[in-house]
Amino acid sequence: MVRAVQECLHAVLWNGTVGMAPLGHQLPAELTVVPLAGMPPSRVVVATNEGDSNPLADSFVVLAKAAYRT
């Protein structure tokens, strides 16, 4: 889990993970940017690799969904 865009960028560059950042942030040239068109603004975004069954990520998604619905 990361707390800021900069931490997310470091995780992507160092670990090969996938990250999302708001438009307008300066991103390193080593990263590929793919805009998410047609998506409404969201306060919480979680992205995982398809088929990856990380129990920590799965638990976080369950808790985030429950918190968002309340």
C-alpha atoms as a PDB file:
ATOM      1  CA  MET A   1       0.000   0.000   0.000  1.00  0.00           C
ATOM      2  CA  VAL A   2       1.186   3.517  -0.709  1.00  0.00           C
ATOM      3  CA  ARG A   3       0.159   6.829   0.821  1.00  0.00           C
ATOM      4  CA  ALA A   4       1.239   9.266  -1.874  1.00  0.00           C
ATOM      5  CA  VAL A   5       1.794   9.459  -5.611  1.00  0.00           C
ATOM      6  CA  GLN A   6       5.577   9.549  -5.098  1.00  0.00           C
ATOM      7  CA  GLU A   7       5.489   6.269  -3.142  1.00  0.00           C
ATOM      8  CA  CYS A   8       3.378   4.726  -5.903  1.00  0.00           C
ATOM      9  CA  LEU A   9       5.893   5.836  -8.541  1.00  0.00           C
ATOM     10  CA  HIS A  10       8.759   4.298  -6.583  1.00  0.00           C
ATOM     11  CA  ALA A  11       6.877   1.011  -6.233  1.00  0.00           C
ATOM     12  CA  VAL A  12       6.169   0.922  -9.963  1.00  0.00           C
ATOM     13  CA  LEU A  13       9.750   1.717 -10.933  1.00  0.00           C
ATOM     14  CA  TRP A  14      11.432  -0.580  -8.419  1.00  0.00           C
ATOM     15  CA  ASN A  15       9.025  -3.525  -8.246  1.00  0.00           C
ATOM     16  CA  GLY A  16       7.302  -3.523 -11.629  1.00  0.00           C
ATOM     17  CA  THR A  17       3.883  -3.063 -10.060  1.00  0.00           C
ATOM     18  CA  VAL A  18       0.992  -1.189 -11.638  1.00  0.00           C
ATOM     19  CA  GLY A  19       0.060   2.233 -10.307  1.00  0.00           C
ATOM     20  CA  MET A  20      -2.405   5.026 -10.937  1.00  0.00           C
ATOM     21  CA  ALA A  21      -1.833   8.747 -10.541  1.00  0.00           C
ATOM     22  CA  PRO A  22      -3.989  11.824 -11.049  1.00  0.00           C
ATOM     23  CA  LEU A  23      -3.532  13.675 -14.321  1.00  0.00           C
ATOM     24  CA  GLY A  24      -1.061  16.518 -14.154  1.00  0.00           C
ATOM     25  CA  HIS A  25       1.598  14.787 -12.064  1.00  0.00           C
ATOM     26  CA  GLN A  26       5.089  14.734 -13.529  1.00  0.00           C
ATOM     27  CA  LEU A  27       5.914  11.111 -14.240  1.00  0.00           C
ATOM     28  CA  PRO A  28       9.353   9.669 -15.027  1.00  0.00           C
ATOM     29  CA  ALA A  29      10.105   8.981 -18.692  1.00  0.00           C
ATOM     30  CA  GLU A  30      10.516   5.268 -17.862  1.00  0.00           C
ATOM     31  CA  LEU A  31       6.778   4.929 -17.177  1.00  0.00           C
ATOM     32  CA  THR A  32       4.020   4.416 -19.713  1.00  0.00           C
ATOM     33  CA  VAL A  33       0.865   6.455 -19.140  1.00  0.00           C
ATOM     34  CA  VAL A  34      -2.518   5.045 -20.131  1.00  0.00           C
ATOM     35  CA  PRO A  35      -5.419   7.450 -19.460  1.00  0.00           C
ATOM     36  CA  LEU A  36      -8.648   5.965 -18.071  1.00  0.00           C
ATOM     37  CA  ALA A  37     -11.261   7.559 -20.315  1.00  0.00           C
ATOM     38  CA  GLY A  38     -14.923   7.532 -19.400  1.00  0.00           C
ATOM     39  CA  MET A  39     -14.383   6.829 -15.712  1.00  0.00           C
ATOM     40  CA  PRO A  40     -15.984   9.109 -13.114  1.00  0.00           C
ATOM     41  CA  PRO A  41     -13.715  10.621 -10.428  1.00  0.00           C
ATOM     42  CA  SER A  42     -13.077   8.248  -7.537  1.00  0.00           C
ATOM     43  CA  ARG A  43     -11.556   8.682  -4.089  1.00  0.00           C
ATOM     44  CA  VAL A  44     -10.415   5.045  -3.912  1.00  0.00           C
ATOM     45  CA  VAL A  45      -8.824   3.011  -6.672  1.00  0.00           C
ATOM     46  CA  VAL A  46      -7.429  -0.484  -6.328  1.00  0.00           C
ATOM     47  CA  ALA A  47      -5.686  -2.299  -9.168  1.00  0.00           C
ATOM     48  CA  THR A  48      -4.301  -5.818  -9.044  1.00  0.00           C
ATOM     49  CA  ASN A  49      -2.921  -8.206 -11.612  1.00  0.00           C
ATOM     50  CA  GLU A  50      -5.572 -10.514 -13.021  1.00  0.00           C
ATOM     51  CA  GLY A  51      -5.241 -13.951 -11.483  1.00  0.00           C
ATOM     52  CA  ASP A  52      -3.067 -12.717  -8.597  1.00  0.00           C
ATOM     53  CA  SER A  53      -4.516 -14.030  -5.346  1.00  0.00           C
ATOM     54  CA  ASN A  54      -2.734 -11.924  -2.746  1.00  0.00           C
ATOM     55  CA  PRO A  55      -4.726 -12.309   0.508  1.00  0.00           C
ATOM     56  CA  LEU A  56      -3.646  -8.856   1.746  1.00  0.00           C
ATOM     57  CA  ALA A  57      -4.904  -7.159  -1.420  1.00  0.00           C
ATOM     58  CA  ASP A  58      -8.114  -9.196  -1.343  1.00  0.00           C
ATOM     59  CA  SER A  59      -8.737  -8.222   2.300  1.00  0.00           C
ATOM     60  CA  PHE A  60      -8.056  -4.564   1.539  1.00  0.00           C
ATOM     61  CA  VAL A  61     -10.572  -4.609  -1.325  1.00  0.00           C
ATOM     62  CA  VAL A  62     -13.252  -6.139   0.917  1.00  0.00           C
ATOM     63  CA  LEU A  63     -12.636  -3.529   3.645  1.00  0.00           C
ATOM     64  CA  ALA A  64     -12.486  -0.621   1.172  1.00  0.00           C
ATOM     65  CA  LYS A  65     -15.779  -1.655  -0.424  1.00  0.00           C
ATOM     66  CA  ALA A  66     -17.447  -1.921   2.980  1.00  0.00           C
ATOM     67  CA  ALA A  67     -16.121   1.498   4.038  1.00  0.00           C
ATOM     68  CA  TYR A  68     -17.168   3.129   0.773  1.00  0.00           C
ATOM     69  CA  ARG A  69     -20.747   1.854   1.048  1.00  0.00           C
ATOM     70  CA  THR A  70     -21.282   3.270   4.534  1.00  0.00           C
END
